[in-house]
Amino acid sequence: MKKAIKMSAMALVAGMMLTSCYTYTTVVGDGAKGNQSTTKWNHYVLWGLAPVGVSDAKQMAGGAEDYTVTTRQSFVNGLLSGITFGIYSPTTTTVTK
């Protein structure tokens, strides 16, 4: 019994340590011309499988034709996901125009 608990604890620690933050960037048109940016959180449940509230990059750009969209999981997003065991998994979207 002790061996099973020890192995489970080791698997949990390894799983927590092997997670990572991710970032992906999309360039629309010629990309951002300046440094004006807008940031919003995206809300997902069930390990990111079901979106609850996702930001609209086109609306965040405010009619700009050229902008850059960066979506990432920040440390705070990952911390919240870890605390809730992935049931709530937010990400952050930043639009720079």
PDB file of N, CA and C in Angstrom:
ATOM      1  N   MET A   1       0.818  -1.194   0.000  1.00  0.00           N
ATOM      2  CA  MET A   1       0.000   0.000   0.000  1.00  0.00           C
ATOM      3  C   MET A   1       0.862   1.258   0.000  1.00  0.00           C
ATOM      4  N   LYS A   2       1.935   1.255   0.819  1.00  0.00           N
ATOM      5  CA  LYS A   2       2.820   2.424   0.879  1.00  0.00           C
ATOM      6  C   LYS A   2       3.505   2.661  -0.467  1.00  0.00           C
ATOM      7  N   LYS A   3       3.838   1.560  -1.126  1.00  0.00           N
ATOM      8  CA  LYS A   3       4.506   1.681  -2.424  1.00  0.00           C
ATOM      9  C   LYS A   3       3.577   2.326  -3.454  1.00  0.00           C
ATOM     10  N   ALA A   4       2.296   1.981  -3.433  1.00  0.00           N
ATOM     11  CA  ALA A   4       1.326   2.560  -4.366  1.00  0.00           C
ATOM     12  C   ALA A   4       1.144   4.050  -4.103  1.00  0.00           C
ATOM     13  N   ILE A   5       1.105   4.441  -2.840  1.00  0.00           N
ATOM     14  CA  ILE A   5       0.970   5.868  -2.497  1.00  0.00           C
ATOM     15  C   ILE A   5       2.217   6.636  -2.931  1.00  0.00           C
ATOM     16  N   LYS A   6       3.374   6.034  -2.697  1.00  0.00           N
ATOM     17  CA  LYS A   6       4.635   6.674  -3.086  1.00  0.00           C
ATOM     18  C   LYS A   6       4.713   6.846  -4.605  1.00  0.00           C
ATOM     19  N   MET A   7       4.318   5.824  -5.347  1.00  0.00           N
ATOM     20  CA  MET A   7       4.336   5.907  -6.815  1.00  0.00           C
ATOM     21  C   MET A   7       3.331   6.946  -7.321  1.00  0.00           C
ATOM     22  N   SER A   8       2.159   7.002  -6.692  1.00  0.00           N
ATOM     23  CA  SER A   8       1.152   8.001  -7.080  1.00  0.00           C
ATOM     24  C   SER A   8       1.658   9.408  -6.820  1.00  0.00           C
ATOM     25  N   ALA A   9       2.300   9.615  -5.690  1.00  0.00           N
ATOM     26  CA  ALA A   9       2.853  10.930  -5.361  1.00  0.00           C
ATOM     27  C   ALA A   9       3.944  11.316  -6.354  1.00  0.00           C
ATOM     28  N   MET A  10       4.782  10.370  -6.716  1.00  0.00           N
ATOM     29  CA  MET A  10       5.839  10.656  -7.688  1.00  0.00           C
ATOM     30  C   MET A  10       5.249  10.986  -9.054  1.00  0.00           C
ATOM     31  N   ALA A  11       4.213  10.276  -9.462  1.00  0.00           N
ATOM     32  CA  ALA A  11       3.567  10.549 -10.747  1.00  0.00           C
ATOM     33  C   ALA A  11       2.925  11.933 -10.743  1.00  0.00           C
ATOM     34  N   LEU A  12       2.312  12.316  -9.634  1.00  0.00           N
ATOM     35  CA  LEU A  12       1.695  13.636  -9.517  1.00  0.00           C
ATOM     36  C   LEU A  12       2.752  14.737  -9.616  1.00  0.00           C
ATOM     37  N   VAL A  13       3.845  14.586  -8.898  1.00  0.00           N
ATOM     38  CA  VAL A  13       4.923  15.578  -8.939  1.00  0.00           C
ATOM     39  C   VAL A  13       5.519  15.662 -10.345  1.00  0.00           C
ATOM     40  N   ALA A  14       5.746  14.528 -10.973  1.00  0.00           N
ATOM     41  CA  ALA A  14       6.307  14.527 -12.337  1.00  0.00           C
ATOM     42  C   ALA A  14       5.346  15.195 -13.307  1.00  0.00           C
ATOM     43  N   GLY A  15       4.056  14.920 -13.168  1.00  0.00           N
ATOM     44  CA  GLY A  15       3.061  15.552 -14.037  1.00  0.00           C
ATOM     45  C   GLY A  15       3.017  17.059 -13.866  1.00  0.00           C
ATOM     46  N   MET A  16       3.155  17.522 -12.645  1.00  0.00           N
ATOM     47  CA  MET A  16       3.134  18.961 -12.388  1.00  0.00           C
ATOM     48  C   MET A  16       4.404  19.623 -12.940  1.00  0.00           C
ATOM     49  N   MET A  17       5.536  18.940 -12.857  1.00  0.00           N
ATOM     50  CA  MET A  17       6.799  19.519 -13.301  1.00  0.00           C
ATOM     51  C   MET A  17       6.956  19.487 -14.816  1.00  0.00           C
ATOM     52  N   LEU A  18       6.264  18.589 -15.491  1.00  0.00           N
ATOM     53  CA  LEU A  18       6.414  18.455 -16.930  1.00  0.00           C
ATOM     54  C   LEU A  18       5.461  19.347 -17.725  1.00  0.00           C
ATOM     55  N   THR A  19       4.598  20.079 -17.042  1.00  0.00           N
ATOM     56  CA  THR A  19       3.719  20.998 -17.746  1.00  0.00           C
ATOM     57  C   THR A  19       4.511  22.217 -18.165  1.00  0.00           C
ATOM     58  N   SER A  20       4.001  22.959 -19.127  1.00  0.00           N
ATOM     59  CA  SER A  20       4.715  24.140 -19.583  1.00  0.00           C
ATOM     60  C   SER A  20       3.733  25.213 -20.027  1.00  0.00           C
ATOM     61  N   CYS A  21       4.241  26.420 -20.110  1.00  0.00           N
ATOM     62  CA  CYS A  21       3.458  27.512 -20.665  1.00  0.00           C
ATOM     63  C   CYS A  21       3.626  27.459 -22.181  1.00  0.00           C
ATOM     64  N   TYR A  22       2.630  27.891 -22.909  1.00  0.00           N
ATOM     65  CA  TYR A  22       2.742  27.890 -24.357  1.00  0.00           C
ATOM     66  C   TYR A  22       2.348  29.260 -24.894  1.00  0.00           C
ATOM     67  N   THR A  23       2.864  29.588 -26.058  1.00  0.00           N
ATOM     68  CA  THR A  23       2.566  30.847 -26.723  1.00  0.00           C
ATOM     69  C   THR A  23       2.462  30.591 -28.212  1.00  0.00           C
ATOM     70  N   TYR A  24       1.454  31.169 -28.856  1.00  0.00           N
ATOM     71  CA  TYR A  24       1.426  31.165 -30.311  1.00  0.00           C
ATOM     72  C   TYR A  24       0.982  32.527 -30.804  1.00  0.00           C
ATOM     73  N   THR A  25       1.551  32.918 -31.925  1.00  0.00           N
ATOM     74  CA  THR A  25       1.355  34.257 -32.468  1.00  0.00           C
ATOM     75  C   THR A  25       0.810  34.152 -33.886  1.00  0.00           C
ATOM     76  N   THR A  26      -0.165  35.017 -34.186  1.00  0.00           N
ATOM     77  CA  THR A  26      -0.735  35.101 -35.518  1.00  0.00           C
ATOM     78  C   THR A  26      -0.579  36.531 -36.010  1.00  0.00           C
ATOM     79  N   VAL A  27      -0.069  36.695 -37.205  1.00  0.00           N
ATOM     80  CA  VAL A  27       0.105  38.014 -37.804  1.00  0.00           C
ATOM     81  C   VAL A  27      -1.007  38.221 -38.822  1.00  0.00           C
ATOM     82  N   VAL A  28      -1.755  39.317 -38.673  1.00  0.00           N
ATOM     83  CA  VAL A  28      -2.839  39.655 -39.588  1.00  0.00           C
ATOM     84  C   VAL A  28      -2.389  40.845 -40.425  1.00  0.00           C
ATOM     85  N   GLY A  29      -2.539  40.733 -41.741  1.00  0.00           N
ATOM     86  CA  GLY A  29      -2.063  41.798 -42.632  1.00  0.00           C
ATOM     87  C   GLY A  29      -0.554  41.868 -42.582  1.00  0.00           C
ATOM     88  N   ASP A  30      -0.030  43.072 -42.355  1.00  0.00           N
ATOM     89  CA  ASP A  30       1.418  43.271 -42.251  1.00  0.00           C
ATOM     90  C   ASP A  30       1.917  43.203 -40.812  1.00  0.00           C
ATOM     91  N   GLY A  31       1.041  42.878 -39.877  1.00  0.00           N
ATOM     92  CA  GLY A  31       1.440  42.808 -38.474  1.00  0.00           C
ATOM     93  C   GLY A  31       1.325  44.167 -37.799  1.00  0.00           C
ATOM     94  N   ALA A  32       1.646  44.185 -36.527  1.00  0.00           N
ATOM     95  CA  ALA A  32       1.522  45.403 -35.723  1.00  0.00           C
ATOM     96  C   ALA A  32       2.459  46.496 -36.226  1.00  0.00           C
ATOM     97  N   LYS A  33       1.923  47.692 -36.342  1.00  0.00           N
ATOM     98  CA  LYS A  33       2.715  48.851 -36.773  1.00  0.00           C
ATOM     99  C   LYS A  33       3.201  49.664 -35.579  1.00  0.00           C
ATOM    100  N   GLY A  34       2.518  49.554 -34.452  1.00  0.00           N
ATOM    101  CA  GLY A  34       2.864  50.323 -33.264  1.00  0.00           C
ATOM    102  C   GLY A  34       2.951  49.417 -32.053  1.00  0.00           C
ATOM    103  N   ASN A  35       2.767  50.029 -30.883  1.00  0.00           N
ATOM    104  CA  ASN A  35       2.848  49.236 -29.667  1.00  0.00           C
ATOM    105  C   ASN A  35       1.585  49.345 -28.806  1.00  0.00           C
ATOM    106  N   GLN A  36       0.481  49.778 -29.393  1.00  0.00           N
ATOM    107  CA  GLN A  36      -0.785  49.844 -28.672  1.00  0.00           C
ATOM    108  C   GLN A  36      -1.352  48.433 -28.580  1.00  0.00           C
ATOM    109  N   SER A  37      -1.633  47.983 -27.349  1.00  0.00           N
ATOM    110  CA  SER A  37      -2.108  46.612 -27.196  1.00  0.00           C
ATOM    111  C   SER A  37      -3.310  46.534 -26.263  1.00  0.00           C
ATOM    112  N   THR A  38      -4.098  45.493 -26.473  1.00  0.00           N
ATOM    113  CA  THR A  38      -5.264  45.182 -25.666  1.00  0.00           C
ATOM    114  C   THR A  38      -5.146  43.728 -25.233  1.00  0.00           C
ATOM    115  N   THR A  39      -5.410  43.467 -23.961  1.00  0.00           N
ATOM    116  CA  THR A  39      -5.275  42.109 -23.425  1.00  0.00           C
ATOM    117  C   THR A  39      -6.576  41.667 -22.772  1.00  0.00           C
ATOM    118  N   LYS A  40      -6.976  40.421 -23.065  1.00  0.00           N
ATOM    119  CA  LYS A  40      -8.165  39.824 -22.443  1.00  0.00           C
ATOM    120  C   LYS A  40      -7.894  38.359 -22.151  1.00  0.00           C
ATOM    121  N   TRP A  41      -8.607  37.829 -21.167  1.00  0.00           N
ATOM    122  CA  TRP A  41      -8.504  36.413 -20.823  1.00  0.00           C
ATOM    123  C   TRP A  41      -9.533  35.614 -21.597  1.00  0.00           C
ATOM    124  N   ASN A  42      -9.174  34.394 -21.938  1.00  0.00           N
ATOM    125  CA  ASN A  42     -10.083  33.413 -22.535  1.00  0.00           C
ATOM    126  C   ASN A  42     -10.374  32.375 -21.455  1.00  0.00           C
ATOM    127  N   HIS A  43     -11.615  31.951 -21.353  1.00  0.00           N
ATOM    128  CA  HIS A  43     -12.012  31.024 -20.298  1.00  0.00           C
ATOM    129  C   HIS A  43     -12.436  29.682 -20.906  1.00  0.00           C
ATOM    130  N   TYR A  44     -11.774  28.631 -20.441  1.00  0.00           N
ATOM    131  CA  TYR A  44     -12.064  27.271 -20.887  1.00  0.00           C
ATOM    132  C   TYR A  44     -12.297  26.382 -19.674  1.00  0.00           C
ATOM    133  N   VAL A  45     -13.068  25.321 -19.847  1.00  0.00           N
ATOM    134  CA  VAL A  45     -13.255  24.330 -18.789  1.00  0.00           C
ATOM    135  C   VAL A  45     -12.889  22.961 -19.339  1.00  0.00           C
ATOM    136  N   LEU A  46     -12.769  22.015 -18.450  1.00  0.00           N
ATOM    137  CA  LEU A  46     -12.437  20.628 -18.793  1.00  0.00           C
ATOM    138  C   LEU A  46     -11.149  20.538 -19.603  1.00  0.00           C
ATOM    139  N   TRP A  47     -10.060  21.030 -19.018  1.00  0.00           N
ATOM    140  CA  TRP A  47      -8.713  20.960 -19.576  1.00  0.00           C
ATOM    141  C   TRP A  47      -8.601  21.666 -20.920  1.00  0.00           C
ATOM    142  N   GLY A  48      -9.381  22.703 -21.108  1.00  0.00           N
ATOM    143  CA  GLY A  48      -9.318  23.487 -22.328  1.00  0.00           C
ATOM    144  C   GLY A  48     -10.156  22.962 -23.467  1.00  0.00           C
ATOM    145  N   LEU A  49     -10.956  21.953 -23.215  1.00  0.00           N
ATOM    146  CA  LEU A  49     -11.747  21.352 -24.283  1.00  0.00           C
ATOM    147  C   LEU A  49     -13.038  22.111 -24.593  1.00  0.00           C
ATOM    148  N   ALA A  50     -13.599  22.786 -23.600  1.00  0.00           N
ATOM    149  CA  ALA A  50     -14.880  23.466 -23.786  1.00  0.00           C
ATOM    150  C   ALA A  50     -14.717  24.968 -23.527  1.00  0.00           C
ATOM    151  N   PRO A  51     -14.818  25.795 -24.575  1.00  0.00           N
ATOM    152  CA  PRO A  51     -14.702  27.236 -24.372  1.00  0.00           C
ATOM    153  C   PRO A  51     -15.954  27.803 -23.704  1.00  0.00           C
ATOM    154  N   VAL A  52     -15.746  28.668 -22.727  1.00  0.00           N
ATOM    155  CA  VAL A  52     -16.854  29.319 -22.038  1.00  0.00           C
ATOM    156  C   VAL A  52     -16.942  30.779 -22.467  1.00  0.00           C
ATOM    157  N   GLY A  53     -15.810  31.444 -22.551  1.00  0.00           N
ATOM    158  CA  GLY A  53     -15.758  32.832 -22.997  1.00  0.00           C
ATOM    159  C   GLY A  53     -14.426  33.086 -23.675  1.00  0.00           C
ATOM    160  N   VAL A  54     -14.465  33.264 -24.983  1.00  0.00           N
ATOM    161  CA  VAL A  54     -13.242  33.450 -25.764  1.00  0.00           C
ATOM    162  C   VAL A  54     -13.262  34.841 -26.371  1.00  0.00           C
ATOM    163  N   SER A  55     -12.144  35.550 -26.271  1.00  0.00           N
ATOM    164  CA  SER A  55     -12.063  36.903 -26.801  1.00  0.00           C
ATOM    165  C   SER A  55     -12.047  36.895 -28.327  1.00  0.00           C
ATOM    166  N   ASP A  56     -12.535  37.976 -28.927  1.00  0.00           N
ATOM    167  CA  ASP A  56     -12.574  38.130 -30.377  1.00  0.00           C
ATOM    168  C   ASP A  56     -11.447  39.076 -30.783  1.00  0.00           C
ATOM    169  N   ALA A  57     -10.417  38.543 -31.413  1.00  0.00           N
ATOM    170  CA  ALA A  57      -9.239  39.338 -31.769  1.00  0.00           C
ATOM    171  C   ALA A  57      -9.584  40.470 -32.725  1.00  0.00           C
ATOM    172  N   LYS A  58     -10.494  40.228 -33.660  1.00  0.00           N
ATOM    173  CA  LYS A  58     -10.876  41.259 -34.623  1.00  0.00           C
ATOM    174  C   LYS A  58     -11.533  42.441 -33.907  1.00  0.00           C
ATOM    175  N   GLN A  59     -12.369  42.147 -32.942  1.00  0.00           N
ATOM    176  CA  GLN A  59     -13.009  43.205 -32.156  1.00  0.00           C
ATOM    177  C   GLN A  59     -11.976  43.918 -31.285  1.00  0.00           C
ATOM    178  N   MET A  60     -11.043  43.179 -30.726  1.00  0.00           N
ATOM    179  CA  MET A  60      -9.995  43.776 -29.893  1.00  0.00           C
ATOM    180  C   MET A  60      -9.099  44.694 -30.712  1.00  0.00           C
ATOM    181  N   ALA A  61      -8.956  44.414 -32.015  1.00  0.00           N
ATOM    182  CA  ALA A  61      -8.118  45.246 -32.887  1.00  0.00           C
ATOM    183  C   ALA A  61      -8.784  46.574 -33.205  1.00  0.00           C
ATOM    184  N   GLY A  62     -10.066  46.672 -32.982  1.00  0.00           N
ATOM    185  CA  GLY A  62     -10.768  47.937 -33.176  1.00  0.00           C
ATOM    186  C   GLY A  62     -10.791  48.423 -34.610  1.00  0.00           C
ATOM    187  N   GLY A  63     -10.928  47.534 -35.558  1.00  0.00           N
ATOM    188  CA  GLY A  63     -11.018  47.924 -36.959  1.00  0.00           C
ATOM    189  C   GLY A  63      -9.680  48.062 -37.670  1.00  0.00           C
ATOM    190  N   ALA A  64      -8.591  47.804 -36.989  1.00  0.00           N
ATOM    191  CA  ALA A  64      -7.272  47.897 -37.623  1.00  0.00           C
ATOM    192  C   ALA A  64      -7.127  46.777 -38.660  1.00  0.00           C
ATOM    193  N   GLU A  65      -6.458  47.075 -39.745  1.00  0.00           N
ATOM    194  CA  GLU A  65      -6.226  46.079 -40.798  1.00  0.00           C
ATOM    195  C   GLU A  65      -4.974  45.246 -40.539  1.00  0.00           C
ATOM    196  N   ASP A  66      -3.993  45.826 -39.857  1.00  0.00           N
ATOM    197  CA  ASP A  66      -2.722  45.161 -39.589  1.00  0.00           C
ATOM    198  C   ASP A  66      -2.522  45.064 -38.081  1.00  0.00           C
ATOM    199  N   TYR A  67      -2.440  43.840 -37.573  1.00  0.00           N
ATOM    200  CA  TYR A  67      -2.231  43.647 -36.147  1.00  0.00           C
ATOM    201  C   TYR A  67      -1.653  42.263 -35.882  1.00  0.00           C
ATOM    202  N   THR A  68      -1.170  42.079 -34.666  1.00  0.00           N
ATOM    203  CA  THR A  68      -0.577  40.815 -34.263  1.00  0.00           C
ATOM    204  C   THR A  68      -1.340  40.282 -33.059  1.00  0.00           C
ATOM    205  N   VAL A  69      -1.706  39.001 -33.116  1.00  0.00           N
ATOM    206  CA  VAL A  69      -2.448  38.362 -32.030  1.00  0.00           C
ATOM    207  C   VAL A  69      -1.535  37.338 -31.365  1.00  0.00           C
ATOM    208  N   THR A  70      -1.364  37.463 -30.048  1.00  0.00           N
ATOM    209  CA  THR A  70      -0.560  36.521 -29.288  1.00  0.00           C
ATOM    210  C   THR A  70      -1.439  35.890 -28.222  1.00  0.00           C
ATOM    211  N   THR A  71      -1.547  34.571 -28.251  1.00  0.00           N
ATOM    212  CA  THR A  71      -2.301  33.839 -27.239  1.00  0.00           C
ATOM    213  C   THR A  71      -1.316  32.997 -26.459  1.00  0.00           C
ATOM    214  N   ARG A  72      -1.399  33.088 -25.135  1.00  0.00           N
ATOM    215  CA  ARG A  72      -0.427  32.372 -24.303  1.00  0.00           C
ATOM    216  C   ARG A  72      -1.076  31.903 -23.015  1.00  0.00           C
ATOM    217  N   GLN A  73      -0.421  30.966 -22.386  1.00  0.00           N
ATOM    218  CA  GLN A  73      -0.804  30.559 -21.042  1.00  0.00           C
ATOM    219  C   GLN A  73       0.271  31.121 -20.125  1.00  0.00           C
ATOM    220  N   SER A  74      -0.087  32.141 -19.375  1.00  0.00           N
ATOM    221  CA  SER A  74       0.868  32.776 -18.474  1.00  0.00           C
ATOM    222  C   SER A  74       1.034  31.931 -17.210  1.00  0.00           C
ATOM    223  N   PHE A  75       1.945  32.356 -16.359  1.00  0.00           N
ATOM    224  CA  PHE A  75       2.154  31.656 -15.100  1.00  0.00           C
ATOM    225  C   PHE A  75       0.875  31.640 -14.271  1.00  0.00           C
ATOM    226  N   VAL A  76       0.195  32.781 -14.203  1.00  0.00           N
ATOM    227  CA  VAL A  76      -1.043  32.874 -13.422  1.00  0.00           C
ATOM    228  C   VAL A  76      -2.118  31.968 -14.017  1.00  0.00           C
ATOM    229  N   ASN A  77      -2.226  31.949 -15.361  1.00  0.00           N
ATOM    230  CA  ASN A  77      -3.178  31.044 -16.013  1.00  0.00           C
ATOM    231  C   ASN A  77      -2.870  29.592 -15.662  1.00  0.00           C
ATOM    232  N   GLY A  78      -1.604  29.220 -15.738  1.00  0.00           N
ATOM    233  CA  GLY A  78      -1.194  27.855 -15.413  1.00  0.00           C
ATOM    234  C   GLY A  78      -1.410  27.520 -13.949  1.00  0.00           C
ATOM    235  N   LEU A  79      -1.185  28.499 -13.075  1.00  0.00           N
ATOM    236  CA  LEU A  79      -1.403  28.290 -11.650  1.00  0.00           C
ATOM    237  C   LEU A  79      -2.883  28.011 -11.371  1.00  0.00           C
ATOM    238  N   LEU A  80      -3.763  28.819 -11.961  1.00  0.00           N
ATOM    239  CA  LEU A  80      -5.200  28.586 -11.784  1.00  0.00           C
ATOM    240  C   LEU A  80      -5.627  27.230 -12.341  1.00  0.00           C
ATOM    241  N   SER A  81      -5.063  26.867 -13.476  1.00  0.00           N
ATOM    242  CA  SER A  81      -5.370  25.563 -14.060  1.00  0.00           C
ATOM    243  C   SER A  81      -4.897  24.436 -13.150  1.00  0.00           C
ATOM    244  N   GLY A  82      -3.727  24.609 -12.563  1.00  0.00           N
ATOM    245  CA  GLY A  82      -3.194  23.594 -11.652  1.00  0.00           C
ATOM    246  C   GLY A  82      -3.997  23.478 -10.370  1.00  0.00           C
ATOM    247  N   ILE A  83      -4.394  24.621  -9.808  1.00  0.00           N
ATOM    248  CA  ILE A  83      -5.175  24.616  -8.569  1.00  0.00           C
ATOM    249  C   ILE A  83      -6.514  23.914  -8.770  1.00  0.00           C
ATOM    250  N   THR A  84      -7.117  24.118  -9.943  1.00  0.00           N
ATOM    251  CA  THR A  84      -8.422  23.502 -10.220  1.00  0.00           C
ATOM    252  C   THR A  84      -8.280  22.146 -10.920  1.00  0.00           C
ATOM    253  N   PHE A  85      -7.056  21.621 -10.982  1.00  0.00           N
ATOM    254  CA  PHE A  85      -6.768  20.340 -11.635  1.00  0.00           C
ATOM    255  C   PHE A  85      -7.243  20.322 -13.084  1.00  0.00           C
ATOM    256  N   GLY A  86      -7.177  21.471 -13.761  1.00  0.00           N
ATOM    257  CA  GLY A  86      -7.512  21.564 -15.173  1.00  0.00           C
ATOM    258  C   GLY A  86      -8.983  21.764 -15.473  1.00  0.00           C
ATOM    259  N   ILE A  87      -9.807  21.774 -14.444  1.00  0.00           N
ATOM    260  CA  ILE A  87     -11.235  21.966 -14.694  1.00  0.00           C
ATOM    261  C   ILE A  87     -11.478  23.357 -15.270  1.00  0.00           C
ATOM    262  N   TYR A  88     -10.746  24.364 -14.777  1.00  0.00           N
ATOM    263  CA  TYR A  88     -10.774  25.721 -15.332  1.00  0.00           C
ATOM    264  C   TYR A  88      -9.392  26.013 -15.890  1.00  0.00           C
ATOM    265  N   SER A  89      -9.309  26.295 -17.191  1.00  0.00           N
ATOM    266  CA  SER A  89      -8.014  26.486 -17.847  1.00  0.00           C
ATOM    267  C   SER A  89      -8.012  27.777 -18.684  1.00  0.00           C
ATOM    268  N   PRO A  90      -7.680  28.905 -18.081  1.00  0.00           N
ATOM    269  CA  PRO A  90      -7.692  30.160 -18.831  1.00  0.00           C
ATOM    270  C   PRO A  90      -6.427  30.353 -19.674  1.00  0.00           C
ATOM    271  N   THR A  91      -6.535  31.200 -20.687  1.00  0.00           N
ATOM    272  CA  THR A  91      -5.391  31.669 -21.458  1.00  0.00           C
ATOM    273  C   THR A  91      -5.530  33.186 -21.603  1.00  0.00           C
ATOM    274  N   THR A  92      -4.485  33.838 -22.093  1.00  0.00           N
ATOM    275  CA  THR A  92      -4.482  35.281 -22.267  1.00  0.00           C
ATOM    276  C   THR A  92      -4.224  35.609 -23.722  1.00  0.00           C
ATOM    277  N   THR A  93      -5.041  36.503 -24.294  1.00  0.00           N
ATOM    278  CA  THR A  93      -4.857  36.958 -25.675  1.00  0.00           C
ATOM    279  C   THR A  93      -4.486  38.434 -25.653  1.00  0.00           C
ATOM    280  N   THR A  94      -3.430  38.776 -26.385  1.00  0.00           N
ATOM    281  CA  THR A  94      -3.001  40.164 -26.521  1.00  0.00           C
ATOM    282  C   THR A  94      -3.004  40.520 -28.001  1.00  0.00           C
ATOM    283  N   VAL A  95      -3.676  41.631 -28.336  1.00  0.00           N
ATOM    284  CA  VAL A  95      -3.690  42.128 -29.704  1.00  0.00           C
ATOM    285  C   VAL A  95      -2.894  43.420 -29.726  1.00  0.00           C
ATOM    286  N   THR A  96      -1.867  43.452 -30.565  1.00  0.00           N
ATOM    287  CA  THR A  96      -1.013  44.629 -30.711  1.00  0.00           C
ATOM    288  C   THR A  96      -1.245  45.193 -32.097  1.00  0.00           C
ATOM    289  N   LYS A  97      -1.515  46.525 -32.153  1.00  0.00           N
ATOM    290  CA  LYS A  97      -1.751  47.134 -33.456  1.00  0.00           C
ATOM    291  C   LYS A  97      -0.852  48.333 -33.672  1.00  0.00           C
TER     292      LYS A  97
END
